PDB file of N, CA and C in Angstrom:
ATOM      1  N   MET A   1      49.959   6.561 -54.412  1.00  0.00           N
ATOM      2  CA  MET A   1      51.323   6.050 -54.458  1.00  0.00           C
ATOM      3  C   MET A   1      52.336   7.211 -54.478  1.00  0.00           C
ATOM      4  N   LEU A   2      52.032   8.413 -54.918  1.00  0.00           N
ATOM      5  CA  LEU A   2      52.756   9.541 -54.802  1.00  0.00           C
ATOM      6  C   LEU A   2      53.358   9.777 -53.413  1.00  0.00           C
ATOM      7  N   PRO A   3      52.370   9.791 -52.418  1.00  0.00           N
ATOM      8  CA  PRO A   3      52.912  10.193 -50.989  1.00  0.00           C
ATOM      9  C   PRO A   3      53.825   9.123 -50.513  1.00  0.00           C
ATOM     10  N   LEU A   4      53.696   7.693 -50.874  1.00  0.00           N
ATOM     11  CA  LEU A   4      54.711   6.904 -50.490  1.00  0.00           C
ATOM     12  C   LEU A   4      56.026   7.052 -51.215  1.00  0.00           C
ATOM     13  N   LYS A   5      56.073   7.343 -52.415  1.00  0.00           N
ATOM     14  CA  LYS A   5      57.231   7.688 -53.231  1.00  0.00           C
ATOM     15  C   LYS A   5      57.976   8.782 -52.689  1.00  0.00           C
ATOM     16  N   MET A   6      57.189   9.816 -52.277  1.00  0.00           N
ATOM     17  CA  MET A   6      57.713  11.018 -51.583  1.00  0.00           C
ATOM     18  C   MET A   6      58.443  10.638 -50.238  1.00  0.00           C
ATOM     19  N   LEU A   7      57.726   9.913 -49.514  1.00  0.00           N
ATOM     20  CA  LEU A   7      58.258   9.451 -48.203  1.00  0.00           C
ATOM     21  C   LEU A   7      59.526   8.555 -48.419  1.00  0.00           C
ATOM     22  N   PHE A   8      59.477   7.755 -49.359  1.00  0.00           N
ATOM     23  CA  PHE A   8      60.652   6.857 -49.623  1.00  0.00           C
ATOM     24  C   PHE A   8      61.887   7.634 -50.059  1.00  0.00           C
ATOM     25  N   ASP A   9      61.538   8.553 -50.950  1.00  0.00           N
ATOM     26  CA  ASP A   9      62.649   9.319 -51.462  1.00  0.00           C
ATOM     27  C   ASP A   9      63.360  10.217 -50.486  1.00  0.00           C
ATOM     28  N   THR A  10      62.523  10.832 -49.664  1.00  0.00           N
ATOM     29  CA  THR A  10      63.027  11.729 -48.544  1.00  0.00           C
ATOM     30  C   THR A  10      63.840  10.837 -47.483  1.00  0.00           C
ATOM     31  N   SER A  11      63.327   9.732 -47.154  1.00  0.00           N
ATOM     32  CA  SER A  11      64.037   8.882 -46.294  1.00  0.00           C
ATOM     33  C   SER A  11      65.418   8.388 -46.870  1.00  0.00           C
ATOM     34  N   TYR A  12      65.315   8.161 -48.097  1.00  0.00           N
ATOM     35  CA  TYR A  12      66.706   7.638 -48.755  1.00  0.00           C
ATOM     36  C   TYR A  12      67.485   8.858 -48.813  1.00  0.00           C
ATOM     37  N   LYS A  13      67.154   9.980 -49.274  1.00  0.00           N
ATOM     38  CA  LYS A  13      67.940  11.063 -49.307  1.00  0.00           C
ATOM     39  C   LYS A  13      68.610  11.593 -48.064  1.00  0.00           C
ATOM     40  N   LEU A  14      67.850  11.427 -46.953  1.00  0.00           N
ATOM     41  CA  LEU A  14      68.342  11.819 -45.622  1.00  0.00           C
ATOM     42  C   LEU A  14      69.077  10.740 -44.893  1.00  0.00           C
ATOM     43  N   ASN A  15      68.994   9.535 -45.642  1.00  0.00           N
ATOM     44  CA  ASN A  15      69.710   8.329 -44.947  1.00  0.00           C
ATOM     45  C   ASN A  15      69.085   8.172 -43.673  1.00  0.00           C
ATOM     46  N   GLN A  16      67.803   8.402 -43.498  1.00  0.00           N
ATOM     47  CA  GLN A  16      67.454   8.236 -41.989  1.00  0.00           C
ATOM     48  C   GLN A  16      65.866   7.977 -42.250  1.00  0.00           C
ATOM     49  N   PRO A  17      65.443   6.758 -41.715  1.00  0.00           N
ATOM     50  CA  PRO A  17      63.940   6.447 -41.810  1.00  0.00           C
ATOM     51  C   PRO A  17      63.267   7.194 -40.751  1.00  0.00           C
ATOM     52  N   PRO A  18      61.900   7.388 -40.977  1.00  0.00           N
ATOM     53  CA  PRO A  18      61.074   7.982 -39.855  1.00  0.00           C
ATOM     54  C   PRO A  18      61.247   7.176 -38.552  1.00  0.00           C
ATOM     55  N   THR A  19      61.168   7.947 -37.541  1.00  0.00           N
ATOM     56  CA  THR A  19      61.339   7.296 -36.117  1.00  0.00           C
ATOM     57  C   THR A  19      60.355   6.192 -36.021  1.00  0.00           C
ATOM     58  N   ASP A  20      59.074   6.256 -36.383  1.00  0.00           N
ATOM     59  CA  ASP A  20      58.165   5.242 -36.294  1.00  0.00           C
ATOM     60  C   ASP A  20      58.496   4.042 -36.831  1.00  0.00           C
ATOM     61  N   TRP A  21      59.274   4.079 -38.004  1.00  0.00           N
ATOM     62  CA  TRP A  21      59.679   2.746 -38.648  1.00  0.00           C
ATOM     63  C   TRP A  21      60.716   1.996 -37.663  1.00  0.00           C
ATOM     64  N   LYS A  22      61.331   2.644 -36.849  1.00  0.00           N
ATOM     65  CA  LYS A  22      62.292   1.965 -35.987  1.00  0.00           C
ATOM     66  C   LYS A  22      61.760   1.302 -34.872  1.00  0.00           C
ATOM     67  N   THR A  23      60.453   1.491 -34.586  1.00  0.00           N
ATOM     68  CA  THR A  23      59.777   1.022 -33.417  1.00  0.00           C
ATOM     69  C   THR A  23      59.039  -0.261 -33.631  1.00  0.00           C
ATOM     70  N   GLY A  24      59.277  -1.266 -32.802  1.00  0.00           N
ATOM     71  CA  GLY A  24      58.405  -2.425 -33.001  1.00  0.00           C
ATOM     72  C   GLY A  24      57.615  -2.632 -31.720  1.00  0.00           C
ATOM     73  N   HIS A  25      56.526  -3.105 -31.910  1.00  0.00           N
ATOM     74  CA  HIS A  25      55.593  -3.476 -30.733  1.00  0.00           C
ATOM     75  C   HIS A  25      55.622  -5.069 -30.587  1.00  0.00           C
ATOM     76  N   ILE A  26      56.213  -5.441 -29.372  1.00  0.00           N
ATOM     77  CA  ILE A  26      56.365  -6.815 -29.119  1.00  0.00           C
ATOM     78  C   ILE A  26      55.114  -7.386 -28.452  1.00  0.00           C
ATOM     79  N   THR A  27      54.587  -8.489 -29.056  1.00  0.00           N
ATOM     80  CA  THR A  27      53.347  -9.224 -28.488  1.00  0.00           C
ATOM     81  C   THR A  27      53.753 -10.644 -28.492  1.00  0.00           C
ATOM     82  N   ALA A  28      52.990 -11.355 -27.596  1.00  0.00           N
ATOM     83  CA  ALA A  28      53.183 -12.749 -27.511  1.00  0.00           C
ATOM     84  C   ALA A  28      52.068 -13.482 -28.252  1.00  0.00           C
ATOM     85  N   ILE A  29      52.417 -14.630 -28.991  1.00  0.00           N
ATOM     86  CA  ILE A  29      51.564 -15.328 -29.797  1.00  0.00           C
ATOM     87  C   ILE A  29      51.649 -16.775 -29.190  1.00  0.00           C
ATOM     88  N   PHE A  30      50.405 -17.255 -28.907  1.00  0.00           N
ATOM     89  CA  PHE A  30      50.273 -18.610 -28.446  1.00  0.00           C
ATOM     90  C   PHE A  30      50.605 -19.671 -29.424  1.00  0.00           C
ATOM     91  N   LYS A  31      51.501 -20.724 -29.048  1.00  0.00           N
ATOM     92  CA  LYS A  31      51.854 -21.715 -29.945  1.00  0.00           C
ATOM     93  C   LYS A  31      50.973 -22.907 -29.719  1.00  0.00           C
ATOM     94  N   LYS A  32      51.115 -23.574 -28.599  1.00  0.00           N
ATOM     95  CA  LYS A  32      50.263 -24.899 -28.276  1.00  0.00           C
ATOM     96  C   LYS A  32      50.444 -25.184 -26.864  1.00  0.00           C
ATOM     97  N   GLY A  33      49.658 -26.017 -26.354  1.00  0.00           N
ATOM     98  CA  GLY A  33      49.782 -26.528 -25.032  1.00  0.00           C
ATOM     99  C   GLY A  33      48.908 -25.793 -24.071  1.00  0.00           C
ATOM    100  N   ASN A  34      49.258 -25.723 -22.844  1.00  0.00           N
ATOM    101  CA  ASN A  34      48.622 -25.023 -21.781  1.00  0.00           C
ATOM    102  C   ASN A  34      48.810 -23.528 -21.894  1.00  0.00           C
ATOM    103  N   LYS A  35      47.606 -22.808 -21.966  1.00  0.00           N
ATOM    104  CA  LYS A  35      47.747 -21.338 -22.082  1.00  0.00           C
ATOM    105  C   LYS A  35      48.240 -20.544 -20.995  1.00  0.00           C
ATOM    106  N   CYS A  36      48.396 -21.315 -19.805  1.00  0.00           N
ATOM    107  CA  CYS A  36      48.771 -20.614 -18.578  1.00  0.00           C
ATOM    108  C   CYS A  36      50.372 -20.842 -18.446  1.00  0.00           C
ATOM    109  N   ASP A  37      50.985 -21.492 -19.331  1.00  0.00           N
ATOM    110  CA  ASP A  37      52.491 -21.684 -19.260  1.00  0.00           C
ATOM    111  C   ASP A  37      52.980 -20.650 -20.269  1.00  0.00           C
ATOM    112  N   PRO A  38      53.781 -19.849 -19.682  1.00  0.00           N
ATOM    113  CA  PRO A  38      54.471 -18.769 -20.546  1.00  0.00           C
ATOM    114  C   PRO A  38      55.400 -19.392 -21.703  1.00  0.00           C
ATOM    115  N   SER A  39      55.929 -20.444 -21.417  1.00  0.00           N
ATOM    116  CA  SER A  39      56.746 -21.043 -22.467  1.00  0.00           C
ATOM    117  C   SER A  39      56.067 -21.497 -23.703  1.00  0.00           C
ATOM    118  N   ASN A  40      54.727 -21.544 -23.689  1.00  0.00           N
ATOM    119  CA  ASN A  40      53.937 -21.879 -24.815  1.00  0.00           C
ATOM    120  C   ASN A  40      53.510 -20.675 -25.722  1.00  0.00           C
ATOM    121  N   TYR A  41      54.272 -19.633 -25.406  1.00  0.00           N
ATOM    122  CA  TYR A  41      54.011 -18.376 -26.252  1.00  0.00           C
ATOM    123  C   TYR A  41      55.318 -17.943 -26.917  1.00  0.00           C
ATOM    124  N   ARG A  42      55.239 -17.326 -28.103  1.00  0.00           N
ATOM    125  CA  ARG A  42      56.429 -16.881 -28.748  1.00  0.00           C
ATOM    126  C   ARG A  42      56.327 -15.332 -29.079  1.00  0.00           C
ATOM    127  N   PRO A  43      57.347 -14.579 -28.834  1.00  0.00           N
ATOM    128  CA  PRO A  43      57.354 -13.296 -29.058  1.00  0.00           C
ATOM    129  C   PRO A  43      57.401 -12.806 -30.495  1.00  0.00           C
ATOM    130  N   ILE A  44      56.654 -11.897 -30.982  1.00  0.00           N
ATOM    131  CA  ILE A  44      56.781 -11.360 -32.372  1.00  0.00           C
ATOM    132  C   ILE A  44      56.857  -9.856 -32.272  1.00  0.00           C
ATOM    133  N   SER A  45      57.468  -9.286 -33.223  1.00  0.00           N
ATOM    134  CA  SER A  45      57.612  -7.857 -33.298  1.00  0.00           C
ATOM    135  C   SER A  45      56.803  -7.403 -34.431  1.00  0.00           C
ATOM    136  N   LEU A  46      55.777  -6.415 -34.117  1.00  0.00           N
ATOM    137  CA  LEU A  46      54.967  -5.799 -35.171  1.00  0.00           C
ATOM    138  C   LEU A  46      55.513  -4.554 -35.562  1.00  0.00           C
ATOM    139  N   THR A  47      55.982  -4.328 -36.845  1.00  0.00           N
ATOM    140  CA  THR A  47      56.612  -3.130 -37.341  1.00  0.00           C
ATOM    141  C   THR A  47      55.740  -2.510 -38.423  1.00  0.00           C
ATOM    142  N   SER A  48      56.085  -1.330 -38.862  1.00  0.00           N
ATOM    143  CA  SER A  48      55.369  -0.589 -39.879  1.00  0.00           C
ATOM    144  C   SER A  48      55.380  -1.410 -41.186  1.00  0.00           C
ATOM    145  N   PHE A  49      54.104  -1.496 -41.711  1.00  0.00           N
ATOM    146  CA  PHE A  49      54.082  -2.206 -42.950  1.00  0.00           C
ATOM    147  C   PHE A  49      54.623  -1.341 -44.181  1.00  0.00           C
ATOM    148  N   ILE A  50      54.574   0.041 -43.941  1.00  0.00           N
ATOM    149  CA  ILE A  50      55.335   0.865 -45.077  1.00  0.00           C
ATOM    150  C   ILE A  50      56.824   0.694 -45.063  1.00  0.00           C
ATOM    151  N   CYS A  51      57.261   0.521 -43.812  1.00  0.00           N
ATOM    152  CA  CYS A  51      58.822   0.123 -43.733  1.00  0.00           C
ATOM    153  C   CYS A  51      59.110  -1.104 -44.384  1.00  0.00           C
ATOM    154  N   LYS A  52      58.142  -1.993 -44.201  1.00  0.00           N
ATOM    155  CA  LYS A  52      58.406  -3.435 -44.922  1.00  0.00           C
ATOM    156  C   LYS A  52      58.368  -3.268 -46.379  1.00  0.00           C
ATOM    157  N   ILE A  53      57.553  -2.372 -46.882  1.00  0.00           N
ATOM    158  CA  ILE A  53      57.347  -2.336 -48.347  1.00  0.00           C
ATOM    159  C   ILE A  53      58.672  -1.698 -48.961  1.00  0.00           C
ATOM    160  N   MET A  54      59.239  -0.650 -48.119  1.00  0.00           N
ATOM    161  CA  MET A  54      60.578  -0.125 -48.566  1.00  0.00           C
ATOM    162  C   MET A  54      61.668  -1.067 -48.469  1.00  0.00           C
ATOM    163  N   GLU A  55      61.693  -1.879 -47.483  1.00  0.00           N
ATOM    164  CA  GLU A  55      62.753  -2.945 -47.348  1.00  0.00           C
ATOM    165  C   GLU A  55      62.604  -3.776 -48.462  1.00  0.00           C
ATOM    166  N   SER A  56      61.428  -4.212 -48.856  1.00  0.00           N
ATOM    167  CA  SER A  56      61.458  -5.260 -49.904  1.00  0.00           C
ATOM    168  C   SER A  56      61.911  -4.678 -51.165  1.00  0.00           C
ATOM    169  N   ILE A  57      61.533  -3.424 -51.486  1.00  0.00           N
ATOM    170  CA  ILE A  57      62.017  -2.730 -52.728  1.00  0.00           C
ATOM    171  C   ILE A  57      63.526  -2.629 -52.694  1.00  0.00           C
ATOM    172  N   ILE A  58      64.105  -2.261 -51.638  1.00  0.00           N
ATOM    173  CA  ILE A  58      65.590  -2.226 -51.473  1.00  0.00           C
ATOM    174  C   ILE A  58      66.324  -3.568 -51.653  1.00  0.00           C
ATOM    175  N   ARG A  59      65.584  -4.575 -50.889  1.00  0.00           N
ATOM    176  CA  ARG A  59      66.084  -5.949 -50.995  1.00  0.00           C
ATOM    177  C   ARG A  59      66.165  -6.394 -52.596  1.00  0.00           C
ATOM    178  N   ASP A  60      64.935  -6.178 -53.230  1.00  0.00           N
ATOM    179  CA  ASP A  60      64.965  -6.711 -54.552  1.00  0.00           C
ATOM    180  C   ASP A  60      65.800  -6.126 -55.484  1.00  0.00           C
ATOM    181  N   ASP A  61      66.141  -4.727 -55.309  1.00  0.00           N
ATOM    182  CA  ASP A  61      67.207  -3.953 -56.064  1.00  0.00           C
ATOM    183  C   ASP A  61      68.609  -4.537 -55.792  1.00  0.00           C
ATOM    184  N   VAL A  62      68.868  -4.785 -54.568  1.00  0.00           N
ATOM    185  CA  VAL A  62      70.240  -5.338 -54.138  1.00  0.00           C
ATOM    186  C   VAL A  62      70.469  -6.594 -54.722  1.00  0.00           C
ATOM    187  N   ILE A  63      69.508  -7.541 -54.564  1.00  0.00           N
ATOM    188  CA  ILE A  63      69.595  -8.834 -55.180  1.00  0.00           C
ATOM    189  C   ILE A  63      69.731  -8.880 -56.734  1.00  0.00           C
ATOM    190  N   LYS A  64      68.958  -7.972 -57.369  1.00  0.00           N
ATOM    191  CA  LYS A  64      68.939  -7.851 -58.757  1.00  0.00           C
ATOM    192  C   LYS A  64      70.359  -7.303 -59.184  1.00  0.00           C
ATOM    193  N   PHE A  65      70.854  -6.443 -58.473  1.00  0.00           N
ATOM    194  CA  PHE A  65      72.280  -5.806 -58.612  1.00  0.00           C
ATOM    195  C   PHE A  65      73.226  -7.041 -58.603  1.00  0.00           C
ATOM    196  N   LEU A  66      73.181  -7.735 -57.401  1.00  0.00           N
ATOM    197  CA  LEU A  66      74.162  -8.801 -57.182  1.00  0.00           C
ATOM    198  C   LEU A  66      74.081  -9.896 -58.330  1.00  0.00           C
ATOM    199  N   PHE A  67      72.921 -10.243 -58.716  1.00  0.00           N
ATOM    200  CA  PHE A  67      72.772 -11.311 -59.751  1.00  0.00           C
ATOM    201  C   PHE A  67      73.329 -10.833 -61.079  1.00  0.00           C
ATOM    202  N   ASN A  68      72.919  -9.546 -61.482  1.00  0.00           N
ATOM    203  CA  ASN A  68      73.436  -8.943 -62.798  1.00  0.00           C
ATOM    204  C   ASN A  68      75.067  -8.832 -62.709  1.00  0.00           C
ATOM    205  N   ASN A  69      75.615  -8.600 -61.763  1.00  0.00           N
ATOM    206  CA  ASN A  69      77.036  -8.570 -61.666  1.00  0.00           C
ATOM    207  C   ASN A  69      77.693  -9.821 -61.208  1.00  0.00           C
ATOM    208  N   ASN A  70      77.029 -10.843 -61.294  1.00  0.00           N
ATOM    209  CA  ASN A  70      77.610 -12.221 -60.937  1.00  0.00           C
ATOM    210  C   ASN A  70      78.328 -12.305 -59.554  1.00  0.00           C
ATOM    211  N   ASN A  71      77.684 -11.667 -58.659  1.00  0.00           N
ATOM    212  CA  ASN A  71      78.221 -11.676 -57.333  1.00  0.00           C
ATOM    213  C   ASN A  71      77.899 -12.891 -56.416  1.00  0.00           C
ATOM    214  N   PHE A  72      76.909 -13.611 -57.041  1.00  0.00           N
ATOM    215  CA  PHE A  72      76.572 -14.865 -56.274  1.00  0.00           C
ATOM    216  C   PHE A  72      77.332 -16.030 -56.760  1.00  0.00           C
ATOM    217  N   SER A  73      77.727 -16.832 -55.841  1.00  0.00           N
ATOM    218  CA  SER A  73      78.538 -18.153 -56.230  1.00  0.00           C
ATOM    219  C   SER A  73      77.368 -19.114 -56.767  1.00  0.00           C
ATOM    220  N   ASN A  74      77.906 -20.019 -57.595  1.00  0.00           N
ATOM    221  CA  ASN A  74      76.991 -21.032 -58.167  1.00  0.00           C
ATOM    222  C   ASN A  74      76.650 -22.091 -56.944  1.00  0.00           C
ATOM    223  N   ASN A  75      77.237 -21.962 -55.735  1.00  0.00           N
ATOM    224  CA  ASN A  75      77.029 -22.769 -54.624  1.00  0.00           C
ATOM    225  C   ASN A  75      75.979 -22.098 -53.671  1.00  0.00           C
ATOM    226  N   GLN A  76      75.477 -20.924 -54.163  1.00  0.00           N
ATOM    227  CA  GLN A  76      74.536 -20.184 -53.367  1.00  0.00           C
ATOM    228  C   GLN A  76      73.104 -20.823 -53.557  1.00  0.00           C
ATOM    229  N   TYR A  77      72.631 -21.377 -52.448  1.00  0.00           N
ATOM    230  CA  TYR A  77      71.015 -21.910 -52.508  1.00  0.00           C
ATOM    231  C   TYR A  77      70.376 -21.292 -51.265  1.00  0.00           C
ATOM    232  N   GLY A  78      69.204 -21.246 -51.474  1.00  0.00           N
ATOM    233  CA  GLY A  78      68.307 -20.672 -50.496  1.00  0.00           C
ATOM    234  C   GLY A  78      68.266 -19.124 -50.434  1.00  0.00           C
ATOM    235  N   PHE A  79      67.245 -18.636 -50.326  1.00  0.00           N
ATOM    236  CA  PHE A  79      67.089 -17.073 -50.121  1.00  0.00           C
ATOM    237  C   PHE A  79      67.337 -16.574 -51.526  1.00  0.00           C
ATOM    238  N   THR A  80      67.446 -17.168 -52.623  1.00  0.00           N
ATOM    239  CA  THR A  80      67.589 -16.679 -53.921  1.00  0.00           C
ATOM    240  C   THR A  80      66.605 -17.290 -54.850  1.00  0.00           C
ATOM    241  N   LYS A  81      65.919 -16.532 -55.583  1.00  0.00           N
ATOM    242  CA  LYS A  81      64.723 -17.069 -56.617  1.00  0.00           C
ATOM    243  C   LYS A  81      65.281 -18.055 -57.419  1.00  0.00           C
ATOM    244  N   GLY A  82      64.504 -19.144 -57.530  1.00  0.00           N
ATOM    245  CA  GLY A  82      64.927 -20.194 -58.380  1.00  0.00           C
ATOM    246  C   GLY A  82      65.868 -21.301 -57.939  1.00  0.00           C
ATOM    247  N   ARG A  83      66.441 -21.058 -56.721  1.00  0.00           N
ATOM    248  CA  ARG A  83      67.466 -21.902 -56.101  1.00  0.00           C
ATOM    249  C   ARG A  83      67.214 -22.157 -54.752  1.00  0.00           C
ATOM    250  N   PRO A  84      66.062 -23.045 -54.418  1.00  0.00           N
ATOM    251  CA  PRO A  84      65.816 -23.291 -53.057  1.00  0.00           C
ATOM    252  C   PRO A  84      66.806 -24.253 -52.463  1.00  0.00           C
ATOM    253  N   ALA A  85      66.931 -24.108 -51.081  1.00  0.00           N
ATOM    254  CA  ALA A  85      67.882 -25.020 -50.402  1.00  0.00           C
ATOM    255  C   ALA A  85      67.657 -26.492 -50.755  1.00  0.00           C
ATOM    256  N   ALA A  86      66.437 -27.009 -50.952  1.00  0.00           N
ATOM    257  CA  ALA A  86      66.158 -28.388 -51.312  1.00  0.00           C
ATOM    258  C   ALA A  86      66.911 -28.734 -52.452  1.00  0.00           C
ATOM    259  N   LEU A  87      67.107 -27.777 -53.365  1.00  0.00           N
ATOM    260  CA  LEU A  87      67.926 -28.120 -54.702  1.00  0.00           C
ATOM    261  C   LEU A  87      69.271 -28.449 -54.322  1.00  0.00           C
ATOM    262  N   HIS A  88      69.858 -27.805 -53.334  1.00  0.00           N
ATOM    263  CA  HIS A  88      71.136 -28.090 -52.998  1.00  0.00           C
ATOM    264  C   HIS A  88      71.416 -29.477 -52.463  1.00  0.00           C
ATOM    265  N   VAL A  89      70.429 -29.902 -51.638  1.00  0.00           N
ATOM    266  CA  VAL A  89      70.387 -31.211 -51.036  1.00  0.00           C
ATOM    267  C   VAL A  89      70.344 -32.313 -52.260  1.00  0.00           C
ATOM    268  N   LEU A  90      69.533 -32.034 -53.218  1.00  0.00           N
ATOM    269  CA  LEU A  90      69.385 -32.837 -54.398  1.00  0.00           C
ATOM    270  C   LEU A  90      70.785 -33.004 -55.198  1.00  0.00           C
ATOM    271  N   SER A  91      71.299 -31.817 -55.313  1.00  0.00           N
ATOM    272  CA  SER A  91      72.593 -31.726 -55.997  1.00  0.00           C
ATOM    273  C   SER A  91      73.709 -32.505 -55.370  1.00  0.00           C
ATOM    274  N   LEU A  92      73.677 -32.822 -53.978  1.00  0.00           N
ATOM    275  CA  LEU A  92      74.642 -33.534 -53.407  1.00  0.00           C
ATOM    276  C   LEU A  92      74.613 -34.977 -53.839  1.00  0.00           C
ATOM    277  N   TYR A  93      73.548 -35.526 -54.390  1.00  0.00           N
ATOM    278  CA  TYR A  93      73.350 -36.849 -54.903  1.00  0.00           C
ATOM    279  C   TYR A  93      73.899 -36.894 -56.327  1.00  0.00           C
ATOM    280  N   GLY A  94      74.384 -35.896 -56.902  1.00  0.00           N
ATOM    281  CA  GLY A  94      74.779 -35.961 -58.264  1.00  0.00           C
ATOM    282  C   GLY A  94      73.809 -35.303 -59.291  1.00  0.00           C
ATOM    283  N   PRO A  95      74.242 -35.261 -60.507  1.00  0.00           N
ATOM    284  CA  PRO A  95      73.285 -34.603 -61.538  1.00  0.00           C
ATOM    285  C   PRO A  95      72.074 -35.483 -61.660  1.00  0.00           C
ATOM    286  N   LEU A  96      70.845 -34.766 -61.686  1.00  0.00           N
ATOM    287  CA  LEU A  96      69.542 -35.464 -61.963  1.00  0.00           C
ATOM    288  C   LEU A  96      69.413 -35.966 -63.286  1.00  0.00           C
ATOM    289  N   LYS A  97      68.989 -37.113 -63.620  1.00  0.00           N
ATOM    290  CA  LYS A  97      68.706 -37.396 -64.974  1.00  0.00           C
ATOM    291  C   LYS A  97      67.199 -37.792 -65.090  1.00  0.00           C
ATOM    292  N   TRP A  98      66.547 -36.932 -65.918  1.00  0.00           N
ATOM    293  CA  TRP A  98      65.116 -37.155 -66.008  1.00  0.00           C
ATOM    294  C   TRP A  98      64.784 -38.000 -67.321  1.00  0.00           C
ATOM    295  N   THR A  99      63.970 -38.892 -67.256  1.00  0.00           N
ATOM    296  CA  THR A  99      63.515 -39.646 -68.366  1.00  0.00           C
ATOM    297  C   THR A  99      61.968 -39.467 -68.490  1.00  0.00           C
ATOM    298  N   GLN A 100      61.418 -40.101 -69.421  1.00  0.00           N
ATOM    299  CA  GLN A 100      59.962 -40.172 -69.685  1.00  0.00           C
ATOM    300  C   GLN A 100      59.368 -40.833 -68.537  1.00  0.00           C
ATOM    301  N   ASP A 101      60.068 -41.781 -67.818  1.00  0.00           N
ATOM    302  CA  ASP A 101      59.494 -42.592 -66.702  1.00  0.00           C
ATOM    303  C   ASP A 101      59.266 -41.674 -65.494  1.00  0.00           C
ATOM    304  N   ASN A 102      60.085 -40.488 -65.353  1.00  0.00           N
ATOM    305  CA  ASN A 102      60.005 -39.728 -64.196  1.00  0.00           C
ATOM    306  C   ASN A 102      58.739 -38.775 -64.203  1.00  0.00           C
ATOM    307  N   LYS A 103      58.074 -38.777 -65.332  1.00  0.00           N
ATOM    308  CA  LYS A 103      57.058 -37.762 -65.307  1.00  0.00           C
ATOM    309  C   LYS A 103      55.741 -38.352 -64.561  1.00  0.00           C
TER     310      LYS A 103
END
Protein backbone atom coordinates (compact mmCIF):
# COMPACT_ATOMS: atom_id res chain seq x y z
CA MET A 1 0.00 0.00 0.00
CA LEU A 2 2.92 2.36 0.59
CA PRO A 3 3.83 2.61 -3.12
CA LEU A 4 0.20 3.52 -3.97
CA LYS A 5 0.10 6.12 -1.20
CA MET A 6 3.34 7.64 -2.46
CA LEU A 7 1.98 7.71 -6.00
CA PHE A 8 -1.30 9.29 -4.90
CA ASP A 9 0.46 11.86 -2.70
CA THR A 10 2.88 12.87 -5.46
CA SER A 11 0.09 13.13 -8.02
CA TYR A 12 -1.97 15.25 -5.62
CA LYS A 13 0.95 17.56 -4.70
CA LEU A 14 1.90 18.10 -8.34
CA ASN A 15 -1.76 18.51 -9.30
CA GLN A 16 -0.95 16.23 -12.21
CA PRO A 17 -1.83 12.56 -12.63
CA PRO A 18 0.62 10.27 -14.44
CA THR A 19 0.24 10.37 -18.22
CA ASP A 20 -0.85 6.73 -18.36
CA TRP A 21 -3.84 7.58 -16.19
CA LYS A 22 -5.15 9.98 -18.82
CA THR A 23 -5.14 7.37 -21.56
CA GLY A 24 -8.10 5.13 -22.26
CA HIS A 25 -8.17 2.17 -24.56
CA ILE A 26 -11.41 2.07 -26.53
CA THR A 27 -12.81 -1.33 -27.42
CA ALA A 28 -16.14 -2.59 -28.74
CA ILE A 29 -18.36 -4.84 -26.65
CA PHE A 30 -21.06 -6.91 -28.32
CA LYS A 31 -24.61 -6.15 -27.13
CA LYS A 32 -27.00 -8.47 -28.98
CA GLY A 33 -28.25 -9.36 -32.45
CA ASN A 34 -26.20 -9.96 -35.56
CA LYS A 35 -22.46 -9.88 -34.80
CA CYS A 36 -21.79 -8.58 -38.33
CA ASP A 37 -23.79 -5.39 -37.69
CA PRO A 38 -21.57 -2.66 -36.16
CA SER A 39 -24.60 -1.02 -34.48
CA ASN A 40 -24.84 -4.09 -32.21
CA TYR A 41 -21.64 -3.11 -30.43
CA ARG A 42 -21.05 -0.41 -27.84
CA PRO A 43 -17.75 1.28 -27.16
CA ILE A 44 -16.17 1.18 -23.73
CA SER A 45 -13.07 2.89 -22.47
CA LEU A 46 -10.65 0.85 -20.38
CA THR A 47 -8.63 3.05 -18.03
CA SER A 48 -6.11 2.52 -15.27
CA PHE A 49 -7.58 0.75 -12.23
CA ILE A 50 -5.14 2.65 -9.99
CA CYS A 51 -6.61 5.90 -11.29
CA LYS A 52 -10.11 4.60 -10.56
CA ILE A 53 -9.07 3.83 -6.97
CA MET A 54 -7.76 7.37 -6.50
CA GLU A 55 -10.90 8.83 -8.11
CA SER A 56 -13.12 6.86 -5.71
CA ILE A 57 -11.10 8.05 -2.68
CA ILE A 58 -11.40 11.68 -3.80
CA ARG A 59 -15.11 11.27 -4.65
CA ASP A 60 -15.85 9.75 -1.23
CA ASP A 61 -14.00 12.58 0.54
CA VAL A 62 -15.79 15.28 -1.47
CA ILE A 63 -19.22 13.73 -0.83
CA LYS A 64 -18.43 13.34 2.88
CA PHE A 65 -17.38 17.01 3.02
CA LEU A 66 -20.57 18.13 1.24
CA PHE A 67 -22.79 16.07 3.57
CA ASN A 68 -20.96 17.22 6.72
CA ASN A 69 -21.38 20.86 5.69
CA ASN A 70 -25.04 20.49 4.66
CA ASN A 71 -24.35 21.33 1.02
CA PHE A 72 -26.85 18.81 -0.32
CA SER A 73 -30.47 19.82 -0.64
CA ASN A 74 -33.15 17.64 0.95
CA ASN A 75 -34.41 17.28 -2.62
CA GLN A 76 -31.20 15.55 -3.75
CA TYR A 77 -31.90 11.96 -4.70
CA GLY A 78 -29.81 9.47 -6.61
CA PHE A 79 -26.03 9.23 -6.52
CA THR A 80 -26.15 9.77 -2.76
CA LYS A 81 -25.86 7.02 -0.17
CA GLY A 82 -29.21 6.08 1.35
CA ARG A 83 -31.24 8.27 -1.03
CA PRO A 84 -31.87 6.32 -4.25
CA ALA A 85 -33.80 7.95 -7.08
CA ALA A 86 -36.64 5.47 -6.50
CA LEU A 87 -37.17 7.03 -3.08
CA HIS A 88 -37.87 10.36 -4.79
CA VAL A 89 -40.53 8.74 -6.97
CA LEU A 90 -42.18 7.29 -3.87
CA SER A 91 -42.03 10.66 -2.10
CA LEU A 92 -44.10 12.19 -4.92
CA TYR A 93 -47.03 10.12 -3.68
CA GLY A 94 -46.82 11.69 -0.23
CA PRO A 95 -45.56 10.40 3.10
CA LEU A 96 -45.42 6.65 3.37
CA LYS A 97 -47.35 5.18 6.28
CA TRP A 98 -46.20 1.78 7.38
CA THR A 99 -48.37 -0.48 9.48
CA GLN A 100 -48.00 -4.03 10.68
CA ASP A 101 -49.94 -5.10 7.56
CA ASN A 102 -47.15 -3.79 5.28
CA LYS A 103 -44.59 -6.24 6.63
